[in-house]
Amino acid sequence: MNTDSPGPGDNTPDDHTPDDAPPESPQPVRWRGLLTVLGAIRRVIDRILAVLCIVAFVGLVVIVSWQVFTREVLNNSAPWTEEAARYTFVVLAVLAAAYVFSERGHIAVEILIEKLPARLQKVMGIVIELIVMFFIILTFIIGGSRVAENAWHQDISTLPLSVGQVFLVLPIAGVIIIFYSLAHVVGILAGVEKPVPEFDENAEAI
């Protein structure tokens, strides 16, 4: 009779897995603190942008509706509505574009990058974010700041604002986009974000 073979209740070092073993960490420990801080800041900025976009959109609807009402019903279109609608739309478009960067929701051609090895995909993902940051610094932050400065004293005749004050939204949005891109770079390096944006089937019909 062989007494060396293990019984049904015996555990060997090869097949024993402790029930209290800690779960595998979703990201490397060295990135955890930075990811936590960036995630907290990102959520705050997301909420602020979402509220501003909603307010701007509702304001745009109200302004355009009042413009149509005064023109078609009262036969006396309110003179301030045209400029107010135009600049509200500019602010809404810029803030919404910045907000979409948070989820990497802009149009992206992924077919070529997806054919590369995983390591090269990560490199390309970082390179793309660096290109985005270069473009945003050049156009939104530097260019937008110059436009706002040059038009700072150019008053809007029907509004208590100047064109430069409205165009301040460009460098502000640029700084926000730079932050989002840096957060994406850290996420790619830490392995918690894919090098290319993920396709969201739920957003296809939006």
C-alpha atoms as a PDB file:
ATOM      1  CA  MET A   1       0.000   0.000   0.000  1.00  0.00           C
ATOM      2  CA  ASN A   2       1.462   3.365  -1.076  1.00  0.00           C
ATOM      3  CA  THR A   3       1.220   5.925   1.713  1.00  0.00           C
ATOM      4  CA  ASP A   4       3.267   8.621  -0.093  1.00  0.00           C
ATOM      5  CA  SER A   5       0.464   9.838  -2.376  1.00  0.00           C
ATOM      6  CA  PRO A   6      -1.437  12.822  -1.021  1.00  0.00           C
ATOM      7  CA  GLY A   7      -5.014  12.351   0.094  1.00  0.00           C
ATOM      8  CA  PRO A   8      -7.976  14.373  -1.167  1.00  0.00           C
ATOM      9  CA  GLY A   9      -7.652  16.888   1.633  1.00  0.00           C
ATOM     10  CA  ASP A  10      -3.874  17.280   1.422  1.00  0.00           C
ATOM     11  CA  ASN A  11      -2.349  20.478  -0.014  1.00  0.00           C
ATOM     12  CA  THR A  12       0.985  20.496  -1.756  1.00  0.00           C
ATOM     13  CA  PRO A  13       3.179  23.558  -2.298  1.00  0.00           C
ATOM     14  CA  ASP A  14       2.500  23.334  -6.024  1.00  0.00           C
ATOM     15  CA  ASP A  15      -1.297  23.612  -5.978  1.00  0.00           C
ATOM     16  CA  HIS A  16      -1.899  25.541  -2.762  1.00  0.00           C
ATOM     17  CA  THR A  17      -3.231  29.084  -3.165  1.00  0.00           C
ATOM     18  CA  PRO A  18      -3.968  30.974   0.064  1.00  0.00           C
ATOM     19  CA  ASP A  19      -7.485  32.318   0.272  1.00  0.00           C
ATOM     20  CA  ASP A  20      -6.239  35.498   1.879  1.00  0.00           C
ATOM     21  CA  ALA A  21      -3.715  36.283  -0.854  1.00  0.00           C
ATOM     22  CA  PRO A  22      -3.889  39.984  -1.788  1.00  0.00           C
ATOM     23  CA  PRO A  23      -5.472  40.714  -5.172  1.00  0.00           C
ATOM     24  CA  GLU A  24      -3.218  41.732  -8.000  1.00  0.00           C
ATOM     25  CA  SER A  25      -2.720  45.492  -8.125  1.00  0.00           C
ATOM     26  CA  PRO A  26      -4.359  47.120 -11.152  1.00  0.00           C
ATOM     27  CA  GLN A  27      -1.380  49.437 -11.601  1.00  0.00           C
ATOM     28  CA  PRO A  28       2.283  49.484 -10.541  1.00  0.00           C
ATOM     29  CA  VAL A  29       2.864  50.719  -7.002  1.00  0.00           C
ATOM     30  CA  ARG A  30       5.233  53.460  -8.157  1.00  0.00           C
ATOM     31  CA  TRP A  31       2.464  55.050 -10.259  1.00  0.00           C
ATOM     32  CA  ARG A  32      -0.346  54.658  -7.734  1.00  0.00           C
ATOM     33  CA  GLY A  33       0.095  57.945  -5.870  1.00  0.00           C
ATOM     34  CA  LEU A  34       0.463  60.018  -9.033  1.00  0.00           C
ATOM     35  CA  LEU A  35      -2.510  58.310 -10.673  1.00  0.00           C
ATOM     36  CA  THR A  36      -4.624  58.971  -7.587  1.00  0.00           C
ATOM     37  CA  VAL A  37      -3.773  62.693  -7.563  1.00  0.00           C
ATOM     38  CA  LEU A  38      -4.278  63.103 -11.308  1.00  0.00           C
ATOM     39  CA  GLY A  39      -7.557  61.202 -11.132  1.00  0.00           C
ATOM     40  CA  ALA A  40      -8.897  63.417  -8.348  1.00  0.00           C
ATOM     41  CA  ILE A  41      -7.957  66.631 -10.201  1.00  0.00           C
ATOM     42  CA  ARG A  42      -9.385  65.253 -13.428  1.00  0.00           C
ATOM     43  CA  ARG A  43     -12.749  64.478 -11.838  1.00  0.00           C
ATOM     44  CA  VAL A  44     -13.015  68.025 -10.465  1.00  0.00           C
ATOM     45  CA  ILE A  45     -12.169  69.573 -13.848  1.00  0.00           C
ATOM     46  CA  ASP A  46     -14.616  67.219 -15.580  1.00  0.00           C
ATOM     47  CA  ARG A  47     -17.444  68.349 -13.306  1.00  0.00           C
ATOM     48  CA  ILE A  48     -16.626  72.034 -13.790  1.00  0.00           C
ATOM     49  CA  LEU A  49     -16.446  71.681 -17.578  1.00  0.00           C
ATOM     50  CA  ALA A  50     -19.665  69.681 -17.688  1.00  0.00           C
ATOM     51  CA  VAL A  51     -21.507  72.373 -15.706  1.00  0.00           C
ATOM     52  CA  LEU A  52     -20.074  75.175 -17.864  1.00  0.00           C
ATOM     53  CA  CYS A  53     -21.019  73.357 -21.075  1.00  0.00           C
ATOM     54  CA  ILE A  54     -24.559  72.800 -19.836  1.00  0.00           C
ATOM     55  CA  VAL A  55     -24.911  76.446 -18.787  1.00  0.00           C
ATOM     56  CA  ALA A  56     -23.515  77.663 -22.128  1.00  0.00           C
ATOM     57  CA  PHE A  57     -25.782  75.332 -24.108  1.00  0.00           C
ATOM     58  CA  VAL A  58     -28.898  76.337 -22.182  1.00  0.00           C
ATOM     59  CA  GLY A  59     -27.912  79.995 -22.538  1.00  0.00           C
ATOM     60  CA  LEU A  60     -27.448  79.551 -26.293  1.00  0.00           C
ATOM     61  CA  VAL A  61     -30.894  77.963 -26.636  1.00  0.00           C
ATOM     62  CA  VAL A  62     -32.509  80.764 -24.629  1.00  0.00           C
ATOM     63  CA  ILE A  63     -30.739  83.501 -26.591  1.00  0.00           C
ATOM     64  CA  VAL A  64     -31.625  82.041 -29.992  1.00  0.00           C
ATOM     65  CA  SER A  65     -35.208  81.374 -28.913  1.00  0.00           C
ATOM     66  CA  TRP A  66     -35.598  84.977 -27.735  1.00  0.00           C
ATOM     67  CA  GLN A  67     -34.071  86.213 -30.971  1.00  0.00           C
ATOM     68  CA  VAL A  68     -36.601  84.255 -33.045  1.00  0.00           C
ATOM     69  CA  PHE A  69     -39.477  85.332 -30.803  1.00  0.00           C
ATOM     70  CA  THR A  70     -38.642  89.035 -30.972  1.00  0.00           C
ATOM     71  CA  ARG A  71     -38.095  88.904 -34.717  1.00  0.00           C
ATOM     72  CA  GLU A  72     -41.094  86.809 -35.749  1.00  0.00           C
ATOM     73  CA  VAL A  73     -43.642  87.741 -33.073  1.00  0.00           C
ATOM     74  CA  LEU A  74     -42.722  91.243 -31.958  1.00  0.00           C
ATOM     75  CA  ASN A  75     -41.299  92.286 -35.365  1.00  0.00           C
ATOM     76  CA  ASN A  76     -38.440  93.940 -33.497  1.00  0.00           C
ATOM     77  CA  SER A  77     -35.409  91.659 -33.139  1.00  0.00           C
ATOM     78  CA  ALA A  78     -33.358  92.277 -29.991  1.00  0.00           C
ATOM     79  CA  PRO A  79     -30.039  93.719 -31.219  1.00  0.00           C
ATOM     80  CA  TRP A  80     -27.887  92.012 -28.597  1.00  0.00           C
ATOM     81  CA  THR A  81     -28.991  88.446 -29.375  1.00  0.00           C
ATOM     82  CA  GLU A  82     -26.914  87.966 -32.524  1.00  0.00           C
ATOM     83  CA  GLU A  83     -23.571  88.775 -30.927  1.00  0.00           C
ATOM     84  CA  ALA A  84     -24.504  87.018 -27.681  1.00  0.00           C
ATOM     85  CA  ALA A  85     -25.397  83.835 -29.587  1.00  0.00           C
ATOM     86  CA  ARG A  86     -22.205  83.991 -31.655  1.00  0.00           C
ATOM     87  CA  TYR A  87     -19.821  84.358 -28.724  1.00  0.00           C
ATOM     88  CA  THR A  88     -21.739  81.897 -26.543  1.00  0.00           C
ATOM     89  CA  PHE A  89     -21.359  79.335 -29.311  1.00  0.00           C
ATOM     90  CA  VAL A  90     -17.597  80.005 -29.455  1.00  0.00           C
ATOM     91  CA  VAL A  91     -17.234  79.477 -25.711  1.00  0.00           C
ATOM     92  CA  LEU A  92     -19.380  76.329 -25.820  1.00  0.00           C
ATOM     93  CA  ALA A  93     -17.396  74.828 -28.717  1.00  0.00           C
ATOM     94  CA  VAL A  94     -14.016  75.441 -27.078  1.00  0.00           C
ATOM     95  CA  LEU A  95     -15.038  74.154 -23.639  1.00  0.00           C
ATOM     96  CA  ALA A  96     -16.762  71.104 -25.133  1.00  0.00           C
ATOM     97  CA  ALA A  97     -13.662  70.309 -27.202  1.00  0.00           C
ATOM     98  CA  ALA A  98     -11.549  70.435 -24.039  1.00  0.00           C
ATOM     99  CA  TYR A  99     -14.044  68.252 -22.175  1.00  0.00           C
ATOM    100  CA  VAL A 100     -13.922  65.567 -24.879  1.00  0.00           C
ATOM    101  CA  PHE A 101     -10.139  65.319 -24.402  1.00  0.00           C
ATOM    102  CA  SER A 102     -10.755  63.909 -20.935  1.00  0.00           C
ATOM    103  CA  GLU A 103     -12.125  60.669 -22.408  1.00  0.00           C
ATOM    104  CA  ARG A 104     -10.034  60.810 -25.597  1.00  0.00           C
ATOM    105  CA  GLY A 105     -13.258  61.109 -27.518  1.00  0.00           C
ATOM    106  CA  HIS A 106     -12.006  62.985 -30.577  1.00  0.00           C
ATOM    107  CA  ILE A 107     -11.765  61.283 -33.968  1.00  0.00           C
ATOM    108  CA  ALA A 108      -8.758  58.952 -34.177  1.00  0.00           C
ATOM    109  CA  VAL A 109      -7.470  56.661 -36.951  1.00  0.00           C
ATOM    110  CA  GLU A 110      -6.355  53.532 -35.098  1.00  0.00           C
ATOM    111  CA  ILE A 111      -6.019  50.911 -37.833  1.00  0.00           C
ATOM    112  CA  LEU A 112      -2.272  51.416 -38.370  1.00  0.00           C
ATOM    113  CA  ILE A 113      -1.286  51.637 -34.702  1.00  0.00           C
ATOM    114  CA  GLU A 114      -3.295  48.521 -33.819  1.00  0.00           C
ATOM    115  CA  LYS A 115      -1.144  46.480 -36.219  1.00  0.00           C
ATOM    116  CA  LEU A 116       2.057  47.387 -34.334  1.00  0.00           C
ATOM    117  CA  PRO A 117       3.524  45.334 -31.461  1.00  0.00           C
ATOM    118  CA  ALA A 118       2.337  46.279 -27.980  1.00  0.00           C
ATOM    119  CA  ARG A 119       5.567  48.098 -27.091  1.00  0.00           C
ATOM    120  CA  LEU A 120       5.455  50.217 -30.249  1.00  0.00           C
ATOM    121  CA  GLN A 121       1.768  50.935 -29.657  1.00  0.00           C
ATOM    122  CA  LYS A 122       2.676  52.416 -26.290  1.00  0.00           C
ATOM    123  CA  VAL A 123       5.438  54.513 -27.865  1.00  0.00           C
ATOM    124  CA  MET A 124       3.097  55.768 -30.579  1.00  0.00           C
ATOM    125  CA  GLY A 125       0.405  56.570 -28.016  1.00  0.00           C
ATOM    126  CA  ILE A 126       2.854  58.758 -26.096  1.00  0.00           C
ATOM    127  CA  VAL A 127       4.149  60.389 -29.295  1.00  0.00           C
ATOM    128  CA  ILE A 128       0.586  61.257 -30.338  1.00  0.00           C
ATOM    129  CA  GLU A 129      -0.099  62.884 -26.958  1.00  0.00           C
ATOM    130  CA  LEU A 130       3.142  64.870 -27.253  1.00  0.00           C
ATOM    131  CA  ILE A 131       2.096  66.084 -30.708  1.00  0.00           C
ATOM    132  CA  VAL A 132      -1.279  67.114 -29.286  1.00  0.00           C
ATOM    133  CA  MET A 133       0.442  69.047 -26.489  1.00  0.00           C
ATOM    134  CA  PHE A 134       2.752  70.811 -28.959  1.00  0.00           C
ATOM    135  CA  PHE A 135      -0.201  71.830 -31.138  1.00  0.00           C
ATOM    136  CA  ILE A 136      -2.267  73.015 -28.164  1.00  0.00           C
ATOM    137  CA  ILE A 137       0.611  75.056 -26.712  1.00  0.00           C
ATOM    138  CA  LEU A 138       1.262  76.675 -30.087  1.00  0.00           C
ATOM    139  CA  THR A 139      -2.338  77.446 -31.070  1.00  0.00           C
ATOM    140  CA  PHE A 140      -4.506  77.580 -27.943  1.00  0.00           C
ATOM    141  CA  ILE A 141      -2.113  78.882 -25.295  1.00  0.00           C
ATOM    142  CA  ILE A 142       0.337  81.069 -27.241  1.00  0.00           C
ATOM    143  CA  GLY A 143      -1.938  81.971 -30.145  1.00  0.00           C
ATOM    144  CA  GLY A 144      -5.041  82.315 -27.993  1.00  0.00           C
ATOM    145  CA  SER A 145      -3.227  84.551 -25.502  1.00  0.00           C
ATOM    146  CA  ARG A 146      -2.050  86.852 -28.289  1.00  0.00           C
ATOM    147  CA  VAL A 147      -5.526  87.045 -29.817  1.00  0.00           C
ATOM    148  CA  ALA A 148      -7.056  87.858 -26.428  1.00  0.00           C
ATOM    149  CA  GLU A 149      -4.383  90.483 -25.749  1.00  0.00           C
ATOM    150  CA  ASN A 150      -4.792  92.171 -29.145  1.00  0.00           C
ATOM    151  CA  ALA A 151      -8.594  92.244 -28.860  1.00  0.00           C
ATOM    152  CA  TRP A 152      -8.741  93.103 -25.157  1.00  0.00           C
ATOM    153  CA  HIS A 153      -9.939  96.682 -25.770  1.00  0.00           C
ATOM    154  CA  GLN A 154     -12.186  95.765 -28.701  1.00  0.00           C
ATOM    155  CA  ASP A 155     -15.597  96.220 -27.109  1.00  0.00           C
ATOM    156  CA  ILE A 156     -18.674  94.268 -28.129  1.00  0.00           C
ATOM    157  CA  SER A 157     -21.203  96.990 -28.860  1.00  0.00           C
ATOM    158  CA  THR A 158     -24.256  95.210 -27.447  1.00  0.00           C
ATOM    159  CA  LEU A 159     -22.610  93.373 -24.521  1.00  0.00           C
ATOM    160  CA  PRO A 160     -20.687  94.503 -21.426  1.00  0.00           C
ATOM    161  CA  LEU A 161     -17.647  92.523 -22.583  1.00  0.00           C
ATOM    162  CA  SER A 162     -14.715  92.861 -24.927  1.00  0.00           C
ATOM    163  CA  VAL A 163     -13.709  90.379 -27.632  1.00  0.00           C
ATOM    164  CA  GLY A 164     -10.448  89.737 -25.792  1.00  0.00           C
ATOM    165  CA  GLN A 165     -12.256  88.743 -22.628  1.00  0.00           C
ATOM    166  CA  VAL A 166     -14.303  86.182 -24.563  1.00  0.00           C
ATOM    167  CA  PHE A 167     -11.212  84.770 -26.272  1.00  0.00           C
ATOM    168  CA  LEU A 168      -9.576  84.141 -22.903  1.00  0.00           C
ATOM    169  CA  VAL A 169     -11.385  80.817 -23.132  1.00  0.00           C
ATOM    170  CA  LEU A 170      -8.746  79.660 -25.646  1.00  0.00           C
ATOM    171  CA  PRO A 171      -5.655  79.664 -23.358  1.00  0.00           C
ATOM    172  CA  ILE A 172      -7.769  78.412 -20.439  1.00  0.00           C
ATOM    173  CA  ALA A 173      -9.006  75.468 -22.499  1.00  0.00           C
ATOM    174  CA  GLY A 174      -5.452  74.919 -23.743  1.00  0.00           C
ATOM    175  CA  VAL A 175      -4.124  74.518 -20.197  1.00  0.00           C
ATOM    176  CA  ILE A 176      -6.917  72.045 -19.428  1.00  0.00           C
ATOM    177  CA  ILE A 177      -6.162  70.003 -22.555  1.00  0.00           C
ATOM    178  CA  ILE A 178      -2.454  69.929 -21.664  1.00  0.00           C
ATOM    179  CA  PHE A 179      -3.373  68.526 -18.259  1.00  0.00           C
ATOM    180  CA  TYR A 180      -5.558  65.855 -19.836  1.00  0.00           C
ATOM    181  CA  SER A 181      -2.777  64.871 -22.260  1.00  0.00           C
ATOM    182  CA  LEU A 182      -0.248  64.605 -19.420  1.00  0.00           C
ATOM    183  CA  ALA A 183      -2.716  62.430 -17.498  1.00  0.00           C
ATOM    184  CA  HIS A 184      -3.098  60.181 -20.548  1.00  0.00           C
ATOM    185  CA  VAL A 185       0.690  59.881 -20.912  1.00  0.00           C
ATOM    186  CA  VAL A 186       1.002  58.818 -17.279  1.00  0.00           C
ATOM    187  CA  GLY A 187      -1.869  56.367 -17.745  1.00  0.00           C
ATOM    188  CA  ILE A 188      -0.221  54.820 -20.809  1.00  0.00           C
ATOM    189  CA  LEU A 189       3.134  54.503 -19.049  1.00  0.00           C
ATOM    190  CA  ALA A 190       1.469  52.950 -16.001  1.00  0.00           C
ATOM    191  CA  GLY A 191      -0.468  50.515 -18.157  1.00  0.00           C
ATOM    192  CA  VAL A 192      -3.934  51.614 -17.019  1.00  0.00           C
ATOM    193  CA  GLU A 193      -4.814  53.237 -20.351  1.00  0.00           C
ATOM    194  CA  LYS A 194      -4.575  51.748 -23.809  1.00  0.00           C
ATOM    195  CA  PRO A 195      -2.211  53.477 -26.266  1.00  0.00           C
ATOM    196  CA  VAL A 196      -5.157  54.180 -28.576  1.00  0.00           C
ATOM    197  CA  PRO A 197      -8.615  55.381 -27.508  1.00  0.00           C
ATOM    198  CA  GLU A 198     -11.118  52.622 -26.836  1.00  0.00           C
ATOM    199  CA  PHE A 199     -14.205  52.486 -29.013  1.00  0.00           C
ATOM    200  CA  ASP A 200     -17.368  53.039 -27.012  1.00  0.00           C
ATOM    201  CA  GLU A 201     -20.328  51.323 -28.688  1.00  0.00           C
ATOM    202  CA  ASN A 202     -22.740  53.164 -26.386  1.00  0.00           C
ATOM    203  CA  ALA A 203     -21.513  56.524 -27.707  1.00  0.00           C
ATOM    204  CA  GLU A 204     -22.010  55.558 -31.360  1.00  0.00           C
ATOM    205  CA  ALA A 205     -25.598  56.747 -31.463  1.00  0.00           C
ATOM    206  CA  ILE A 206     -24.946  60.043 -29.667  1.00  0.00           C
END
